[in-house]
């Protein structure tokens, strides 16, 4: 798998707005993005409204595939478990300098 990495300023995450299938809007910090032979992917963490929500967060990294259709951009789950694990490992390696991951 060839990785085409875009340089990212990790000190200021980008906020991404995502509308789910029920029409609810959710906000995420985009921690990183990569492009491989398999497609484009993003690593996100939720943005919370209250300090209590932040404390209760389990710290899970959300990894989604970027898909474009008719000029619209969609973030979709990665259905293939092998691909998900490969992309997850790439993000963990890239982000390990800034975040502590537990396996």
N, C-alpha and C. Protein backbone atom coordinates (compact mmCIF):
# COMPACT_ATOMS: atom_id res chain seq x y z
N UNK A 1 0.85 -1.16 0.00
CA UNK A 1 0.00 0.00 0.00
C UNK A 1 0.90 1.23 0.00
N UNK A 2 0.72 2.12 -0.92
CA UNK A 2 1.49 3.35 -1.00
C UNK A 2 0.75 4.44 -0.24
N UNK A 3 1.49 5.17 0.58
CA UNK A 3 0.89 6.24 1.37
C UNK A 3 1.33 7.58 0.83
N UNK A 4 0.39 8.44 0.60
CA UNK A 4 0.64 9.79 0.14
C UNK A 4 0.22 10.70 1.28
N UNK A 5 1.17 11.18 2.07
CA UNK A 5 0.85 11.92 3.28
C UNK A 5 0.84 13.42 3.02
N UNK A 6 -0.17 14.06 3.53
CA UNK A 6 -0.26 15.50 3.45
C UNK A 6 0.23 16.05 4.78
N UNK A 7 1.06 17.07 4.74
CA UNK A 7 1.54 17.68 5.98
C UNK A 7 0.36 18.34 6.68
N UNK A 8 0.31 18.16 7.99
CA UNK A 8 -0.81 18.66 8.78
C UNK A 8 -0.26 19.38 9.99
N UNK A 9 -0.82 20.52 10.33
CA UNK A 9 -0.46 21.23 11.55
C UNK A 9 -1.29 20.65 12.69
N UNK A 10 -0.67 19.81 13.51
CA UNK A 10 -1.39 19.11 14.57
C UNK A 10 -1.78 20.03 15.72
N UNK A 11 -1.24 21.23 15.80
CA UNK A 11 -1.53 22.10 16.93
C UNK A 11 -2.90 22.75 16.84
N UNK A 12 -3.48 22.81 15.65
CA UNK A 12 -4.80 23.43 15.49
C UNK A 12 -5.69 22.53 14.63
N UNK A 13 -6.40 21.60 15.26
CA UNK A 13 -7.27 20.70 14.48
C UNK A 13 -8.38 21.48 13.76
N UNK A 14 -8.79 20.94 12.64
CA UNK A 14 -9.90 21.50 11.89
C UNK A 14 -11.20 20.89 12.41
N UNK A 15 -12.23 21.71 12.57
CA UNK A 15 -13.53 21.21 13.01
C UNK A 15 -14.33 20.82 11.78
N UNK A 16 -14.86 19.59 11.81
CA UNK A 16 -15.64 19.04 10.72
C UNK A 16 -17.07 18.83 11.21
N UNK A 17 -18.03 19.27 10.43
CA UNK A 17 -19.44 19.06 10.74
C UNK A 17 -19.95 17.88 9.92
N UNK A 18 -20.60 16.93 10.60
CA UNK A 18 -21.11 15.74 9.92
C UNK A 18 -22.60 15.60 10.24
N UNK A 19 -23.40 15.41 9.21
CA UNK A 19 -24.84 15.18 9.38
C UNK A 19 -25.06 13.68 9.26
N UNK A 20 -25.64 13.07 10.31
CA UNK A 20 -25.87 11.62 10.26
C UNK A 20 -27.15 11.30 9.49
N UNK A 21 -27.45 10.01 9.35
CA UNK A 21 -28.60 9.58 8.56
C UNK A 21 -29.94 10.04 9.13
N UNK A 22 -29.95 10.46 10.41
CA UNK A 22 -31.18 10.96 11.03
C UNK A 22 -31.29 12.48 10.96
N UNK A 23 -30.31 13.12 10.30
CA UNK A 23 -30.33 14.57 10.16
C UNK A 23 -29.71 15.31 11.33
N UNK A 24 -29.08 14.60 12.27
CA UNK A 24 -28.43 15.24 13.42
C UNK A 24 -27.01 15.66 13.05
N UNK A 25 -26.66 16.87 13.47
CA UNK A 25 -25.32 17.38 13.17
C UNK A 25 -24.38 17.07 14.33
N UNK A 26 -23.18 16.59 14.00
CA UNK A 26 -22.15 16.26 14.98
C UNK A 26 -20.87 16.98 14.56
N UNK A 27 -20.08 17.39 15.56
CA UNK A 27 -18.84 18.10 15.27
C UNK A 27 -17.65 17.26 15.73
N UNK A 28 -16.59 17.27 14.92
CA UNK A 28 -15.38 16.50 15.19
C UNK A 28 -14.16 17.35 14.91
N UNK A 29 -13.09 17.10 15.67
CA UNK A 29 -11.78 17.66 15.33
C UNK A 29 -11.12 16.71 14.36
N UNK A 30 -10.69 17.23 13.23
CA UNK A 30 -9.93 16.41 12.28
C UNK A 30 -8.47 16.43 12.72
N UNK A 31 -8.00 15.29 13.20
CA UNK A 31 -6.63 15.20 13.69
C UNK A 31 -5.63 14.98 12.58
N UNK A 32 -6.03 14.24 11.56
CA UNK A 32 -5.10 13.90 10.50
C UNK A 32 -5.88 13.42 9.29
N UNK A 33 -5.21 13.44 8.14
CA UNK A 33 -5.80 12.90 6.90
C UNK A 33 -4.69 12.28 6.08
N UNK A 34 -5.04 11.21 5.40
CA UNK A 34 -4.08 10.54 4.52
C UNK A 34 -4.78 10.12 3.24
N UNK A 35 -3.96 9.87 2.23
CA UNK A 35 -4.45 9.31 0.98
C UNK A 35 -3.56 8.14 0.63
N UNK A 36 -4.15 6.98 0.36
CA UNK A 36 -3.43 5.78 -0.02
C UNK A 36 -3.96 5.30 -1.37
N UNK A 37 -3.45 4.19 -1.84
CA UNK A 37 -3.98 3.59 -3.06
C UNK A 37 -5.44 3.18 -2.88
N UNK A 38 -5.84 2.98 -1.63
CA UNK A 38 -7.21 2.54 -1.31
C UNK A 38 -8.20 3.69 -1.19
N UNK A 39 -7.72 4.93 -1.12
CA UNK A 39 -8.62 6.07 -1.01
C UNK A 39 -8.12 7.11 -0.03
N UNK A 40 -9.02 8.03 0.32
CA UNK A 40 -8.73 9.11 1.28
C UNK A 40 -9.39 8.76 2.60
N UNK A 41 -8.69 9.10 3.71
CA UNK A 41 -9.17 8.76 5.04
C UNK A 41 -8.90 9.90 6.00
N UNK A 42 -9.74 10.01 7.03
CA UNK A 42 -9.54 11.02 8.08
C UNK A 42 -9.60 10.35 9.45
N UNK A 43 -8.86 10.95 10.39
CA UNK A 43 -8.91 10.53 11.79
C UNK A 43 -9.54 11.68 12.57
N UNK A 44 -10.61 11.36 13.30
CA UNK A 44 -11.40 12.38 13.99
C UNK A 44 -11.56 12.05 15.47
N UNK A 45 -11.82 13.09 16.27
CA UNK A 45 -12.28 12.92 17.65
C UNK A 45 -13.47 13.86 17.84
N UNK A 46 -14.42 13.47 18.67
CA UNK A 46 -15.61 14.30 18.87
C UNK A 46 -15.28 15.63 19.54
N UNK A 47 -16.05 16.67 19.19
CA UNK A 47 -16.00 17.95 19.87
C UNK A 47 -17.18 17.94 20.84
N UNK A 48 -16.90 18.26 22.10
CA UNK A 48 -17.94 18.21 23.13
C UNK A 48 -18.34 19.61 23.57
N UNK A 49 -19.59 19.71 24.03
CA UNK A 49 -20.12 21.00 24.47
C UNK A 49 -19.80 21.29 25.93
N UNK A 50 -19.61 20.24 26.74
CA UNK A 50 -19.38 20.46 28.16
C UNK A 50 -18.12 19.73 28.62
N UNK A 51 -17.54 20.22 29.71
CA UNK A 51 -16.35 19.58 30.28
C UNK A 51 -16.68 18.17 30.76
N UNK A 52 -17.90 17.96 31.24
CA UNK A 52 -18.32 16.63 31.70
C UNK A 52 -18.28 15.63 30.55
N UNK A 53 -18.72 16.05 29.38
CA UNK A 53 -18.69 15.17 28.21
C UNK A 53 -17.25 14.79 27.86
N UNK A 54 -16.34 15.74 27.98
CA UNK A 54 -14.93 15.48 27.68
C UNK A 54 -14.37 14.44 28.65
N UNK A 55 -14.69 14.59 29.93
CA UNK A 55 -14.21 13.67 30.95
C UNK A 55 -14.74 12.27 30.71
N UNK A 56 -15.99 12.14 30.26
CA UNK A 56 -16.60 10.84 30.04
C UNK A 56 -16.17 10.18 28.73
N UNK A 57 -15.48 10.93 27.86
CA UNK A 57 -15.04 10.39 26.57
C UNK A 57 -14.03 9.27 26.78
N UNK A 58 -14.19 8.19 26.01
CA UNK A 58 -13.26 7.06 26.12
C UNK A 58 -12.01 7.25 25.26
N UNK A 59 -11.91 8.38 24.55
CA UNK A 59 -10.72 8.69 23.78
C UNK A 59 -10.58 7.92 22.48
N UNK A 60 -11.65 7.36 22.00
CA UNK A 60 -11.60 6.56 20.78
C UNK A 60 -11.34 7.44 19.56
N UNK A 61 -10.43 6.97 18.72
CA UNK A 61 -10.13 7.62 17.46
C UNK A 61 -11.14 7.14 16.43
N UNK A 62 -11.79 8.06 15.75
CA UNK A 62 -12.78 7.71 14.73
C UNK A 62 -12.10 7.82 13.37
N UNK A 63 -12.10 6.72 12.64
CA UNK A 63 -11.44 6.68 11.33
C UNK A 63 -12.51 6.43 10.27
N UNK A 64 -12.59 7.34 9.30
CA UNK A 64 -13.60 7.25 8.25
C UNK A 64 -12.95 7.43 6.89
N UNK A 65 -13.62 6.90 5.88
CA UNK A 65 -13.17 7.05 4.50
C UNK A 65 -13.89 8.24 3.88
N UNK A 66 -13.16 9.03 3.12
CA UNK A 66 -13.72 10.18 2.42
C UNK A 66 -14.15 9.72 1.04
N UNK A 67 -15.42 9.94 0.72
CA UNK A 67 -15.93 9.59 -0.59
C UNK A 67 -16.61 10.80 -1.19
N UNK A 68 -16.43 10.97 -2.48
CA UNK A 68 -17.05 12.09 -3.18
C UNK A 68 -18.01 11.55 -4.22
N UNK A 69 -19.19 12.18 -4.26
CA UNK A 69 -20.21 11.77 -5.20
C UNK A 69 -21.01 12.99 -5.63
N UNK A 70 -21.06 13.25 -6.93
CA UNK A 70 -21.80 14.38 -7.48
C UNK A 70 -21.40 15.70 -6.82
N UNK A 71 -20.10 15.89 -6.60
CA UNK A 71 -19.61 17.13 -6.01
C UNK A 71 -19.78 17.24 -4.51
N UNK A 72 -20.37 16.26 -3.89
CA UNK A 72 -20.57 16.24 -2.43
C UNK A 72 -19.54 15.34 -1.79
N UNK A 73 -19.09 15.70 -0.59
CA UNK A 73 -18.13 14.89 0.15
C UNK A 73 -18.84 14.19 1.30
N UNK A 74 -18.60 12.88 1.41
CA UNK A 74 -19.21 12.07 2.45
C UNK A 74 -18.12 11.37 3.26
N UNK A 75 -18.35 11.23 4.55
CA UNK A 75 -17.47 10.44 5.41
C UNK A 75 -18.19 9.15 5.73
N UNK A 76 -17.56 8.02 5.39
CA UNK A 76 -18.21 6.72 5.49
C UNK A 76 -17.36 5.77 6.32
N UNK A 77 -18.02 4.84 7.02
CA UNK A 77 -17.25 3.82 7.75
C UNK A 77 -16.46 2.95 6.77
N UNK A 78 -15.34 2.42 7.25
CA UNK A 78 -14.54 1.49 6.45
C UNK A 78 -15.06 0.10 6.74
N UNK A 79 -15.70 -0.52 5.76
CA UNK A 79 -16.36 -1.81 5.95
C UNK A 79 -15.38 -2.98 6.02
N UNK A 80 -14.27 -2.91 5.28
CA UNK A 80 -13.30 -3.99 5.22
C UNK A 80 -12.40 -3.93 6.46
N UNK A 81 -12.45 -4.95 7.32
CA UNK A 81 -11.72 -4.94 8.58
C UNK A 81 -10.21 -4.88 8.37
N UNK A 82 -9.69 -5.57 7.37
CA UNK A 82 -8.25 -5.55 7.09
C UNK A 82 -7.82 -4.14 6.71
N UNK A 83 -8.57 -3.49 5.82
CA UNK A 83 -8.26 -2.13 5.42
C UNK A 83 -8.36 -1.19 6.62
N UNK A 84 -9.39 -1.35 7.43
CA UNK A 84 -9.57 -0.52 8.63
C UNK A 84 -8.35 -0.64 9.54
N UNK A 85 -7.88 -1.87 9.77
CA UNK A 85 -6.71 -2.08 10.63
C UNK A 85 -5.46 -1.45 10.04
N UNK A 86 -5.27 -1.57 8.73
CA UNK A 86 -4.10 -0.97 8.07
C UNK A 86 -4.11 0.55 8.20
N UNK A 87 -5.26 1.15 7.93
CA UNK A 87 -5.39 2.60 8.00
C UNK A 87 -5.25 3.05 9.46
N UNK A 88 -5.85 2.32 10.38
CA UNK A 88 -5.74 2.64 11.80
C UNK A 88 -4.30 2.63 12.27
N UNK A 89 -3.52 1.64 11.83
CA UNK A 89 -2.11 1.57 12.20
C UNK A 89 -1.32 2.75 11.66
N UNK A 90 -1.64 3.17 10.44
CA UNK A 90 -0.97 4.33 9.86
C UNK A 90 -1.26 5.58 10.70
N UNK A 91 -2.53 5.79 11.03
CA UNK A 91 -2.88 6.96 11.84
C UNK A 91 -2.22 6.89 13.21
N UNK A 92 -2.24 5.73 13.85
CA UNK A 92 -1.63 5.61 15.17
C UNK A 92 -0.14 5.94 15.12
N UNK A 93 0.54 5.47 14.08
CA UNK A 93 1.96 5.77 13.94
C UNK A 93 2.19 7.26 13.75
N UNK A 94 1.38 7.87 12.89
CA UNK A 94 1.54 9.30 12.60
C UNK A 94 1.19 10.17 13.80
N UNK A 95 0.19 9.76 14.57
CA UNK A 95 -0.29 10.59 15.68
C UNK A 95 0.36 10.25 17.02
N UNK A 96 1.18 9.21 17.06
CA UNK A 96 1.74 8.74 18.34
C UNK A 96 2.60 9.79 19.03
N UNK A 97 3.17 10.72 18.28
CA UNK A 97 3.97 11.78 18.86
C UNK A 97 3.09 12.74 19.68
N UNK A 98 1.81 12.85 19.32
CA UNK A 98 0.92 13.81 19.95
C UNK A 98 -0.10 13.18 20.90
N UNK A 99 -0.36 11.87 20.73
CA UNK A 99 -1.38 11.17 21.50
C UNK A 99 -0.85 9.84 21.99
N UNK A 100 -1.36 9.38 23.14
CA UNK A 100 -0.96 8.10 23.71
C UNK A 100 -2.05 7.07 23.38
N UNK A 101 -1.71 6.08 22.56
CA UNK A 101 -2.67 5.05 22.15
C UNK A 101 -2.46 3.79 22.95
N UNK A 102 -3.58 3.15 23.34
CA UNK A 102 -3.53 1.85 24.00
C UNK A 102 -4.10 0.83 23.05
N UNK A 103 -3.46 -0.32 22.92
CA UNK A 103 -3.97 -1.38 22.04
C UNK A 103 -4.75 -2.39 22.84
